[in-house]
Amino acid sequence: MQTQFRMKLISTEKEYNKALERLEIIFDASPRTKKGQEAEVLALLIEEYEDKHYAIDAPDPITAIRIRMEELEMKQKDLIGVIGTKGIVSEVLNKKRKLTVNMIRNLSKKLKITAQVLIQEYQLNR
């Protein structure tokens, strides 16, 4: 029988792997039990370690726009009027032109992408 995991912040890969193994064993425990409470705390500790060591950066703004357009089954032409003319939409989506504050506002509203993602710096294609 597996003993309870020693609760502390996870600081090494070895501790992380041990925590994952323990969580796998107790994952389905009822939240009202001691093992269930242990699982909840362990999941938080694992999440904190992963956020610090395996962080996934947000995509650049144009990639985020393209991903969201695909999710919504939108075409480039659907952004005409949202960020400008057909030519401006093409330039923005091909990273030939930077997003303006008005474009960011409109895209955030239309595509439901946070402005925090859209204001990130990105390289233009020359």
N, C-alpha and C. Protein backbone atom coordinates (compact mmCIF):
# COMPACT_ATOMS: atom_id res chain seq x y z
N MET A 1 0.84 -1.19 0.00
CA MET A 1 0.00 0.00 0.00
C MET A 1 0.88 1.25 0.00
N GLN A 2 0.58 2.20 -0.90
CA GLN A 2 1.34 3.44 -1.04
C GLN A 2 1.07 4.36 0.15
N THR A 3 2.12 4.95 0.69
CA THR A 3 1.94 5.88 1.80
C THR A 3 1.63 7.26 1.26
N GLN A 4 1.13 8.10 2.13
CA GLN A 4 0.78 9.46 1.76
C GLN A 4 2.02 10.21 1.30
N PHE A 5 1.86 11.04 0.28
CA PHE A 5 2.93 11.89 -0.24
C PHE A 5 3.23 12.98 0.77
N ARG A 6 4.49 13.27 1.00
CA ARG A 6 4.88 14.34 1.93
C ARG A 6 4.58 15.68 1.27
N MET A 7 3.62 16.43 1.80
CA MET A 7 3.18 17.69 1.21
C MET A 7 4.20 18.80 1.44
N LYS A 8 4.75 19.28 0.34
CA LYS A 8 5.66 20.42 0.35
C LYS A 8 5.76 20.92 -1.08
N LEU A 9 6.27 22.11 -1.24
CA LEU A 9 6.45 22.61 -2.60
C LEU A 9 7.38 21.67 -3.36
N ILE A 10 7.05 21.46 -4.63
CA ILE A 10 7.85 20.58 -5.48
C ILE A 10 8.96 21.42 -6.09
N SER A 11 10.20 20.97 -5.87
CA SER A 11 11.32 21.78 -6.37
C SER A 11 12.26 21.04 -7.30
N THR A 12 12.09 19.74 -7.46
CA THR A 12 12.96 18.98 -8.36
C THR A 12 12.12 18.11 -9.29
N GLU A 13 12.73 17.67 -10.36
CA GLU A 13 12.05 16.79 -11.31
C GLU A 13 11.70 15.45 -10.64
N LYS A 14 12.57 14.99 -9.78
CA LYS A 14 12.33 13.73 -9.06
C LYS A 14 11.08 13.86 -8.17
N GLU A 15 10.97 14.96 -7.44
CA GLU A 15 9.79 15.20 -6.59
C GLU A 15 8.53 15.33 -7.45
N TYR A 16 8.69 15.98 -8.58
CA TYR A 16 7.57 16.16 -9.51
C TYR A 16 7.05 14.80 -9.99
N ASN A 17 7.96 13.94 -10.42
CA ASN A 17 7.56 12.61 -10.90
C ASN A 17 6.93 11.78 -9.79
N LYS A 18 7.46 11.88 -8.59
CA LYS A 18 6.90 11.17 -7.44
C LYS A 18 5.48 11.68 -7.14
N ALA A 19 5.29 12.98 -7.23
CA ALA A 19 3.97 13.57 -7.00
C ALA A 19 2.98 13.10 -8.06
N LEU A 20 3.41 13.04 -9.31
CA LEU A 20 2.54 12.56 -10.39
C LEU A 20 2.12 11.10 -10.15
N GLU A 21 3.08 10.29 -9.73
CA GLU A 21 2.78 8.88 -9.46
C GLU A 21 1.75 8.77 -8.34
N ARG A 22 1.94 9.54 -7.28
CA ARG A 22 1.00 9.50 -6.15
C ARG A 22 -0.38 9.99 -6.58
N LEU A 23 -0.43 11.07 -7.35
CA LEU A 23 -1.71 11.59 -7.79
C LEU A 23 -2.46 10.57 -8.64
N GLU A 24 -1.74 9.85 -9.47
CA GLU A 24 -2.37 8.83 -10.31
C GLU A 24 -3.06 7.77 -9.44
N ILE A 25 -2.45 7.44 -8.32
CA ILE A 25 -3.01 6.42 -7.42
C ILE A 25 -4.28 6.91 -6.73
N ILE A 26 -4.28 8.18 -6.30
CA ILE A 26 -5.40 8.68 -5.49
C ILE A 26 -6.35 9.60 -6.25
N PHE A 27 -6.16 9.73 -7.54
CA PHE A 27 -6.91 10.68 -8.36
C PHE A 27 -8.42 10.56 -8.20
N ASP A 28 -8.95 9.36 -8.16
CA ASP A 28 -10.40 9.16 -8.13
C ASP A 28 -11.00 9.15 -6.73
N ALA A 29 -10.20 9.48 -5.73
CA ALA A 29 -10.71 9.48 -4.36
C ALA A 29 -11.78 10.55 -4.19
N SER A 30 -12.76 10.27 -3.35
CA SER A 30 -13.83 11.23 -3.07
C SER A 30 -13.24 12.47 -2.41
N PRO A 31 -13.67 13.67 -2.82
CA PRO A 31 -13.14 14.91 -2.25
C PRO A 31 -13.34 15.02 -0.73
N ARG A 32 -14.29 14.28 -0.20
CA ARG A 32 -14.58 14.36 1.23
C ARG A 32 -13.68 13.47 2.08
N THR A 33 -12.82 12.70 1.43
CA THR A 33 -11.93 11.80 2.17
C THR A 33 -10.55 12.42 2.31
N LYS A 34 -9.75 11.82 3.18
CA LYS A 34 -8.39 12.27 3.39
C LYS A 34 -7.58 12.17 2.09
N LYS A 35 -7.75 11.07 1.36
CA LYS A 35 -7.04 10.89 0.08
C LYS A 35 -7.53 11.89 -0.96
N GLY A 36 -8.83 12.19 -0.92
CA GLY A 36 -9.37 13.17 -1.85
C GLY A 36 -8.81 14.56 -1.61
N GLN A 37 -8.69 14.92 -0.35
CA GLN A 37 -8.10 16.22 -0.01
C GLN A 37 -6.62 16.24 -0.37
N GLU A 38 -5.94 15.13 -0.15
CA GLU A 38 -4.54 15.02 -0.53
C GLU A 38 -4.40 15.21 -2.05
N ALA A 39 -5.30 14.60 -2.81
CA ALA A 39 -5.26 14.72 -4.27
C ALA A 39 -5.42 16.17 -4.72
N GLU A 40 -6.33 16.90 -4.07
CA GLU A 40 -6.55 18.30 -4.44
C GLU A 40 -5.31 19.15 -4.18
N VAL A 41 -4.71 18.97 -3.01
CA VAL A 41 -3.50 19.74 -2.68
C VAL A 41 -2.35 19.34 -3.59
N LEU A 42 -2.22 18.06 -3.85
CA LEU A 42 -1.16 17.57 -4.72
C LEU A 42 -1.31 18.14 -6.13
N ALA A 43 -2.53 18.20 -6.62
CA ALA A 43 -2.77 18.76 -7.96
C ALA A 43 -2.35 20.22 -8.02
N LEU A 44 -2.60 20.97 -6.95
CA LEU A 44 -2.18 22.38 -6.91
C LEU A 44 -0.65 22.50 -6.89
N LEU A 45 0.00 21.64 -6.12
CA LEU A 45 1.48 21.66 -6.07
C LEU A 45 2.08 21.30 -7.44
N ILE A 46 1.49 20.32 -8.09
CA ILE A 46 1.96 19.91 -9.42
C ILE A 46 1.75 21.04 -10.42
N GLU A 47 0.58 21.67 -10.37
CA GLU A 47 0.29 22.78 -11.28
C GLU A 47 1.27 23.93 -11.09
N GLU A 48 1.58 24.25 -9.83
CA GLU A 48 2.53 25.32 -9.54
C GLU A 48 3.90 24.99 -10.12
N TYR A 49 4.35 23.75 -9.98
CA TYR A 49 5.65 23.33 -10.52
C TYR A 49 5.64 23.41 -12.05
N GLU A 50 4.57 22.92 -12.66
CA GLU A 50 4.48 22.93 -14.12
C GLU A 50 4.44 24.36 -14.67
N ASP A 51 3.72 25.24 -14.00
CA ASP A 51 3.66 26.64 -14.45
C ASP A 51 5.05 27.27 -14.44
N LYS A 52 5.85 26.90 -13.48
CA LYS A 52 7.18 27.46 -13.35
C LYS A 52 8.19 26.82 -14.31
N HIS A 53 8.08 25.51 -14.52
CA HIS A 53 9.10 24.79 -15.28
C HIS A 53 8.68 24.38 -16.69
N TYR A 54 7.40 24.35 -16.95
CA TYR A 54 6.92 23.93 -18.27
C TYR A 54 5.95 24.94 -18.85
N ALA A 55 6.19 26.19 -18.60
CA ALA A 55 5.29 27.25 -19.07
C ALA A 55 5.21 27.23 -20.59
N ILE A 56 4.01 27.41 -21.08
CA ILE A 56 3.77 27.48 -22.52
C ILE A 56 3.45 28.93 -22.84
N ASP A 57 4.28 29.54 -23.66
CA ASP A 57 4.05 30.93 -24.02
C ASP A 57 2.82 31.06 -24.91
N ALA A 58 2.15 32.16 -24.74
CA ALA A 58 1.01 32.44 -25.60
C ALA A 58 1.51 32.63 -27.03
N PRO A 59 0.70 32.29 -28.02
CA PRO A 59 1.13 32.49 -29.40
C PRO A 59 1.24 33.98 -29.70
N ASP A 60 2.02 34.31 -30.73
CA ASP A 60 2.09 35.72 -31.11
C ASP A 60 0.69 36.16 -31.56
N PRO A 61 0.43 37.46 -31.58
CA PRO A 61 -0.93 37.94 -31.89
C PRO A 61 -1.51 37.42 -33.21
N ILE A 62 -0.70 37.39 -34.24
CA ILE A 62 -1.22 36.96 -35.55
C ILE A 62 -1.55 35.48 -35.54
N THR A 63 -0.72 34.68 -34.90
CA THR A 63 -1.01 33.25 -34.78
C THR A 63 -2.29 33.05 -33.97
N ALA A 64 -2.45 33.81 -32.90
CA ALA A 64 -3.67 33.73 -32.08
C ALA A 64 -4.90 34.08 -32.91
N ILE A 65 -4.79 35.12 -33.74
CA ILE A 65 -5.91 35.52 -34.61
C ILE A 65 -6.24 34.40 -35.59
N ARG A 66 -5.21 33.83 -36.20
CA ARG A 66 -5.43 32.76 -37.18
C ARG A 66 -6.06 31.52 -36.53
N ILE A 67 -5.59 31.17 -35.33
CA ILE A 67 -6.16 30.03 -34.61
C ILE A 67 -7.63 30.27 -34.31
N ARG A 68 -7.93 31.48 -33.81
CA ARG A 68 -9.32 31.81 -33.47
C ARG A 68 -10.20 31.85 -34.71
N MET A 69 -9.68 32.37 -35.81
CA MET A 69 -10.44 32.40 -37.05
C MET A 69 -10.78 30.97 -37.49
N GLU A 70 -9.82 30.08 -37.37
CA GLU A 70 -10.04 28.68 -37.74
C GLU A 70 -11.12 28.06 -36.83
N GLU A 71 -11.03 28.33 -35.54
CA GLU A 71 -12.04 27.81 -34.60
C GLU A 71 -13.44 28.30 -34.95
N LEU A 72 -13.53 29.55 -35.38
CA LEU A 72 -14.83 30.15 -35.72
C LEU A 72 -15.21 29.95 -37.18
N GLU A 73 -14.35 29.21 -37.91
CA GLU A 73 -14.54 28.96 -39.34
C GLU A 73 -14.70 30.26 -40.12
N MET A 74 -13.81 31.20 -39.81
CA MET A 74 -13.82 32.50 -40.49
C MET A 74 -12.77 32.53 -41.59
N LYS A 75 -13.01 33.35 -42.57
CA LYS A 75 -12.07 33.59 -43.66
C LYS A 75 -11.49 35.00 -43.49
N GLN A 76 -10.42 35.28 -44.24
CA GLN A 76 -9.81 36.61 -44.20
C GLN A 76 -10.84 37.70 -44.48
N LYS A 77 -11.71 37.44 -45.43
CA LYS A 77 -12.71 38.45 -45.82
C LYS A 77 -13.64 38.82 -44.67
N ASP A 78 -13.77 37.92 -43.68
CA ASP A 78 -14.63 38.21 -42.54
C ASP A 78 -14.05 39.29 -41.63
N LEU A 79 -12.78 39.62 -41.81
CA LEU A 79 -12.15 40.67 -41.01
C LEU A 79 -12.13 42.03 -41.71
N ILE A 80 -12.62 42.06 -42.95
CA ILE A 80 -12.73 43.35 -43.65
C ILE A 80 -13.74 44.19 -42.86
N GLY A 81 -13.36 45.41 -42.55
CA GLY A 81 -14.21 46.27 -41.74
C GLY A 81 -13.90 46.16 -40.25
N VAL A 82 -13.40 45.01 -39.83
CA VAL A 82 -13.01 44.84 -38.43
C VAL A 82 -11.63 45.47 -38.21
N ILE A 83 -10.72 45.17 -39.17
CA ILE A 83 -9.38 45.76 -39.05
C ILE A 83 -9.00 46.61 -40.26
N GLY A 84 -9.85 46.68 -41.25
CA GLY A 84 -9.56 47.53 -42.39
C GLY A 84 -10.01 46.92 -43.70
N THR A 85 -9.40 47.41 -44.77
CA THR A 85 -9.74 46.95 -46.11
C THR A 85 -9.17 45.55 -46.35
N LYS A 86 -9.52 44.98 -47.50
CA LYS A 86 -9.01 43.67 -47.89
C LYS A 86 -7.48 43.66 -47.87
N GLY A 87 -6.87 44.71 -48.39
CA GLY A 87 -5.41 44.80 -48.45
C GLY A 87 -4.78 44.88 -47.06
N ILE A 88 -5.40 45.66 -46.18
CA ILE A 88 -4.87 45.80 -44.82
C ILE A 88 -5.00 44.48 -44.06
N VAL A 89 -6.13 43.80 -44.22
CA VAL A 89 -6.33 42.50 -43.57
C VAL A 89 -5.23 41.54 -44.03
N SER A 90 -4.98 41.51 -45.32
CA SER A 90 -3.94 40.63 -45.86
C SER A 90 -2.56 40.99 -45.30
N GLU A 91 -2.24 42.27 -45.28
CA GLU A 91 -0.94 42.71 -44.75
C GLU A 91 -0.78 42.33 -43.28
N VAL A 92 -1.82 42.53 -42.48
CA VAL A 92 -1.75 42.20 -41.05
C VAL A 92 -1.57 40.70 -40.87
N LEU A 93 -2.40 39.90 -41.55
CA LEU A 93 -2.34 38.45 -41.37
C LEU A 93 -1.07 37.83 -41.94
N ASN A 94 -0.39 38.54 -42.82
CA ASN A 94 0.88 38.06 -43.36
C ASN A 94 2.07 38.75 -42.69
N LYS A 95 1.80 39.43 -41.59
CA LYS A 95 2.82 40.10 -40.78
C LYS A 95 3.63 41.12 -41.58
N LYS A 96 2.95 41.83 -42.45
CA LYS A 96 3.58 42.91 -43.21
C LYS A 96 3.24 44.26 -42.57
N ARG A 97 2.24 44.27 -41.68
CA ARG A 97 1.78 45.49 -41.03
C ARG A 97 1.44 45.15 -39.59
N LYS A 98 1.80 46.07 -38.68
CA LYS A 98 1.51 45.88 -37.25
C LYS A 98 0.05 46.20 -36.95
N LEU A 99 -0.45 45.57 -35.89
CA LEU A 99 -1.79 45.88 -35.41
C LEU A 99 -1.79 47.26 -34.76
N THR A 100 -2.86 48.01 -34.96
CA THR A 100 -3.02 49.30 -34.30
C THR A 100 -3.92 49.10 -33.07
N VAL A 101 -4.00 50.11 -32.24
CA VAL A 101 -4.85 50.04 -31.05
C VAL A 101 -6.31 49.79 -31.45
N ASN A 102 -6.79 50.48 -32.49
CA ASN A 102 -8.18 50.26 -32.94
C ASN A 102 -8.39 48.85 -33.46
N MET A 103 -7.42 48.33 -34.20
CA MET A 103 -7.51 46.95 -34.69
C MET A 103 -7.59 45.98 -33.52
N ILE A 104 -6.75 46.19 -32.51
CA ILE A 104 -6.73 45.33 -31.33
C ILE A 104 -8.08 45.36 -30.62
N ARG A 105 -8.63 46.55 -30.45
CA ARG A 105 -9.96 46.67 -29.81
C ARG A 105 -11.02 45.89 -30.59
N ASN A 106 -11.03 46.10 -31.91
CA ASN A 106 -12.04 45.45 -32.75
C ASN A 106 -11.87 43.94 -32.78
N LEU A 107 -10.61 43.49 -32.88
CA LEU A 107 -10.35 42.05 -32.92
C LEU A 107 -10.71 41.40 -31.59
N SER A 108 -10.39 42.07 -30.52
CA SER A 108 -10.69 41.55 -29.19
C SER A 108 -12.20 41.34 -29.04
N LYS A 109 -12.96 42.30 -29.50
CA LYS A 109 -14.42 42.22 -29.41
C LYS A 109 -14.97 41.15 -30.36
N LYS A 110 -14.51 41.15 -31.59
CA LYS A 110 -15.04 40.23 -32.62
C LYS A 110 -14.62 38.78 -32.38
N LEU A 111 -13.34 38.57 -32.03
CA LEU A 111 -12.82 37.21 -31.90
C LEU A 111 -12.76 36.70 -30.46
N LYS A 112 -13.07 37.58 -29.51
CA LYS A 112 -13.01 37.23 -28.09
C LYS A 112 -11.60 36.76 -27.70
N ILE A 113 -10.61 37.52 -28.15
CA ILE A 113 -9.21 37.29 -27.76
C ILE A 113 -8.84 38.45 -26.85
N THR A 114 -8.23 38.16 -25.72
CA THR A 114 -7.89 39.23 -24.79
C THR A 114 -6.88 40.18 -25.42
N ALA A 115 -7.01 41.44 -25.07
CA ALA A 115 -6.07 42.44 -25.58
C ALA A 115 -4.65 42.11 -25.14
N GLN A 116 -4.50 41.46 -23.99
CA GLN A 116 -3.18 41.07 -23.49
C GLN A 116 -2.43 40.21 -24.52
N VAL A 117 -3.13 39.34 -25.21
CA VAL A 117 -2.51 38.51 -26.24
C VAL A 117 -2.21 39.35 -27.47
N LEU A 118 -3.14 40.21 -27.84
CA LEU A 118 -3.01 40.97 -29.08
C LEU A 118 -1.97 42.08 -29.02
N ILE A 119 -1.62 42.57 -27.83
CA ILE A 119 -0.65 43.67 -27.74
C ILE A 119 0.80 43.19 -27.69
N GLN A 120 1.01 41.89 -27.66
CA GLN A 120 2.39 41.37 -27.62
C GLN A 120 3.17 41.81 -28.86
N GLU A 121 4.47 41.96 -28.67
CA GLU A 121 5.35 42.28 -29.79
C GLU A 121 5.51 41.07 -30.68
N TYR A 122 5.69 41.31 -31.96
CA TYR A 122 5.98 40.24 -32.93
C TYR A 122 6.76 40.83 -34.08
N GLN A 123 7.47 39.96 -34.78
CA GLN A 123 8.32 40.41 -35.88
C GLN A 123 7.51 40.49 -37.17
N LEU A 124 7.75 41.56 -37.91
CA LEU A 124 7.16 41.68 -39.24
C LEU A 124 7.99 40.89 -40.23
N ASN A 125 7.31 40.38 -41.27
CA ASN A 125 8.01 39.72 -42.38
C ASN A 125 8.40 40.79 -43.39
N ARG A 126 9.62 40.84 -43.73
CA ARG A 126 10.08 41.87 -44.69
C ARG A 126 10.23 41.31 -46.07
